[in-house]
C-alpha atoms as a PDB file:
ATOM      1  CA  GLY A   1      20.627   8.746 -43.583  1.00  0.00           C
ATOM      2  CA  TYR A   2      19.934   6.675 -40.815  1.00  0.00           C
ATOM      3  CA  LEU A   3      16.405   6.607 -38.808  1.00  0.00           C
ATOM      4  CA  TRP A   4      15.985   6.139 -35.217  1.00  0.00           C
ATOM      5  CA  HIS A   5      12.423   5.355 -34.346  1.00  0.00           C
ATOM      6  CA  ALA A   6      10.423   4.643 -31.324  1.00  0.00           C
ATOM      7  CA  ASP A   7       6.877   3.526 -31.082  1.00  0.00           C
ATOM      8  CA  THR A   8       4.592   3.484 -27.824  1.00  0.00           C
ATOM      9  CA  GLY A   9       1.032   2.410 -27.540  1.00  0.00           C
ATOM     10  CA  CYS A  10      -1.458   0.873 -25.161  1.00  0.00           C
ATOM     11  CA  VAL A  11      -3.489  -2.565 -25.746  1.00  0.00           C
ATOM     12  CA  PHE A  12      -6.687  -2.566 -23.651  1.00  0.00           C
ATOM     13  CA  ASN A  13      -9.936  -4.514 -22.924  1.00  0.00           C
ATOM     14  CA  SER A  14     -11.124  -2.203 -20.248  1.00  0.00           C
ATOM     15  CA  SER A  15     -10.072   1.018 -18.446  1.00  0.00           C
ATOM     16  CA  ASP A  16      -8.873  -0.971 -15.410  1.00  0.00           C
ATOM     17  CA  LEU A  17      -4.914  -0.440 -15.417  1.00  0.00           C
ATOM     18  CA  ASN A  18      -4.395  -4.043 -14.789  1.00  0.00           C
ATOM     19  CA  ASP A  19      -5.893  -4.952 -18.065  1.00  0.00           C
ATOM     20  CA  ILE A  20      -3.690  -2.505 -19.887  1.00  0.00           C
ATOM     21  CA  GLU A  21      -0.510  -3.357 -21.621  1.00  0.00           C
ATOM     22  CA  TYR A  22       1.954  -0.434 -22.262  1.00  0.00           C
ATOM     23  CA  PHE A  23       4.653  -0.947 -24.887  1.00  0.00           C
ATOM     24  CA  GLU A  24       7.367   0.915 -26.195  1.00  0.00           C
ATOM     25  CA  ILE A  25       9.353  -0.409 -29.194  1.00  0.00           C
ATOM     26  CA  TYR A  26      12.830   1.051 -30.429  1.00  0.00           C
ATOM     27  CA  ASN A  27      13.803   0.507 -34.150  1.00  0.00           C
ATOM     28  CA  TYR A  28      16.944   1.602 -36.111  1.00  0.00           C
ATOM     29  CA  ASN A  29      16.511   1.527 -39.694  1.00  0.00           C
ATOM     30  CA  LYS A  30      13.692  -0.479 -39.684  1.00  0.00           C
ATOM     31  CA  LEU A  31      15.181  -3.231 -37.546  1.00  0.00           C
ATOM     32  CA  LYS A  32      13.579  -3.788 -34.153  1.00  0.00           C
ATOM     33  CA  LEU A  33      16.321  -3.262 -31.574  1.00  0.00           C
ATOM     34  CA  PHE A  34      14.434  -3.736 -28.219  1.00  0.00           C
ATOM     35  CA  ARG A  35      11.205  -2.873 -26.562  1.00  0.00           C
ATOM     36  CA  PHE A  36       9.649  -2.551 -23.178  1.00  0.00           C
ATOM     37  CA  SER A  37       6.458  -4.446 -22.225  1.00  0.00           C
ATOM     38  CA  SER A  38       4.566  -3.817 -19.118  1.00  0.00           C
ATOM     39  CA  THR A  39       3.150  -7.303 -19.026  1.00  0.00           C
ATOM     40  CA  LEU A  40       6.788  -8.498 -18.797  1.00  0.00           C
ATOM     41  CA  ASP A  41       7.686  -5.264 -16.807  1.00  0.00           C
ATOM     42  CA  LYS A  42      11.315  -5.377 -18.247  1.00  0.00           C
ATOM     43  CA  TYR A  43      13.074  -4.450 -21.603  1.00  0.00           C
ATOM     44  CA  VAL A  44      13.884  -7.196 -24.132  1.00  0.00           C
ATOM     45  CA  GLY A  45      16.478  -7.006 -26.777  1.00  0.00           C
ATOM     46  CA  TYR A  46      16.217  -8.461 -30.477  1.00  0.00           C
ATOM     47  CA  THR A  47      19.809  -7.677 -31.503  1.00  0.00           C
ATOM     48  CA  GLU A  48      23.064  -7.720 -30.016  1.00  0.00           C
ATOM     49  CA  PHE A  49      22.867  -4.077 -29.519  1.00  0.00           C
ATOM     50  CA  GLY A  50      19.243  -4.322 -28.355  1.00  0.00           C
ATOM     51  CA  ILE A  51      20.336  -6.943 -25.681  1.00  0.00           C
ATOM     52  CA  LYS A  52      22.893  -4.744 -24.333  1.00  0.00           C
ATOM     53  CA  GLN A  53      20.346  -2.019 -24.054  1.00  0.00           C
ATOM     54  CA  ALA A  54      17.664  -3.836 -22.646  1.00  0.00           C
ATOM     55  CA  THR A  55      20.047  -5.322 -19.888  1.00  0.00           C
ATOM     56  CA  ALA A  56      21.359  -1.676 -19.135  1.00  0.00           C
ATOM     57  CA  PHE A  57      17.797  -0.272 -18.749  1.00  0.00           C
ATOM     58  CA  ASN A  58      16.395  -3.467 -16.782  1.00  0.00           C
ATOM     59  CA  ASN A  59      19.472  -2.663 -14.352  1.00  0.00           C
ATOM     60  CA  ASP A  60      18.428   1.015 -14.095  1.00  0.00           C
ATOM     61  CA  LYS A  61      15.557   1.344 -11.378  1.00  0.00           C
ATOM     62  CA  ASP A  62      14.819   4.837 -12.404  1.00  0.00           C
ATOM     63  CA  ILE A  63      14.389   3.842 -16.127  1.00  0.00           C
ATOM     64  CA  ILE A  64      11.987   0.885 -15.135  1.00  0.00           C
ATOM     65  CA  ALA A  65      10.171   3.200 -12.978  1.00  0.00           C
ATOM     66  CA  ASP A  66       9.806   5.859 -15.754  1.00  0.00           C
ATOM     67  CA  ALA A  67       8.339   3.153 -18.035  1.00  0.00           C
ATOM     68  CA  ARG A  68       6.000   2.081 -15.296  1.00  0.00           C
ATOM     69  CA  ALA A  69       4.728   5.681 -14.933  1.00  0.00           C
ATOM     70  CA  ARG A  70       4.398   6.165 -18.584  1.00  0.00           C
ATOM     71  CA  LYS A  71       1.962   3.297 -18.565  1.00  0.00           C
ATOM     72  CA  GLU A  72      -0.379   5.091 -15.955  1.00  0.00           C
ATOM     73  CA  TYR A  73       0.190   8.666 -17.374  1.00  0.00           C
ATOM     74  CA  ILE A  74      -0.140   7.863 -21.165  1.00  0.00           C
ATOM     75  CA  CYS A  75      -2.474   4.806 -21.248  1.00  0.00           C
ATOM     76  CA  LEU A  76      -4.939   5.264 -18.050  1.00  0.00           C
ATOM     77  CA  ASN A  77      -5.522   8.792 -18.749  1.00  0.00           C
ATOM     78  CA  ASN A  78      -6.404   8.480 -22.542  1.00  0.00           C
ATOM     79  CA  ILE A  79      -8.036   4.995 -22.262  1.00  0.00           C
ATOM     80  CA  LYS A  80     -10.730   6.274 -19.820  1.00  0.00           C
ATOM     81  CA  LEU A  81     -11.814   8.694 -22.446  1.00  0.00           C
ATOM     82  CA  ASP A  82     -11.553   6.355 -25.502  1.00  0.00           C
ATOM     83  CA  TYR A  83     -13.075   3.507 -23.469  1.00  0.00           C
ATOM     84  CA  GLU A  84     -16.170   5.762 -22.483  1.00  0.00           C
ATOM     85  CA  SER A  85     -16.436   7.161 -25.873  1.00  0.00           C
ATOM     86  CA  ALA A  86     -16.641   3.640 -27.438  1.00  0.00           C
ATOM     87  CA  LEU A  87     -19.214   2.375 -25.032  1.00  0.00           C
ATOM     88  CA  THR A  88     -21.538   5.327 -25.865  1.00  0.00           C
ATOM     89  CA  LYS A  89     -21.162   4.667 -29.621  1.00  0.00           C
ATOM     90  CA  SER A  90     -21.914   1.016 -29.549  1.00  0.00           C
END
């Protein structure tokens, strides 16, 4: 069969929203097609299909707004807990 897979994550050095990078990576059968990076604030394609998807997503203001909102919803809420937890254990 075929496998569609998406990874999301947050890279951070502090709990400040400006220091957090949120990313989404979309793969098909272990091949990276395209990704969103909050640092670039856009989707980037890696294959012919991925470039088409990234272009379509970048031209849709609602999709970009949703990705930006996920940075705050997913990263900021969880990183505050993780960051505080790490500081109390170091």
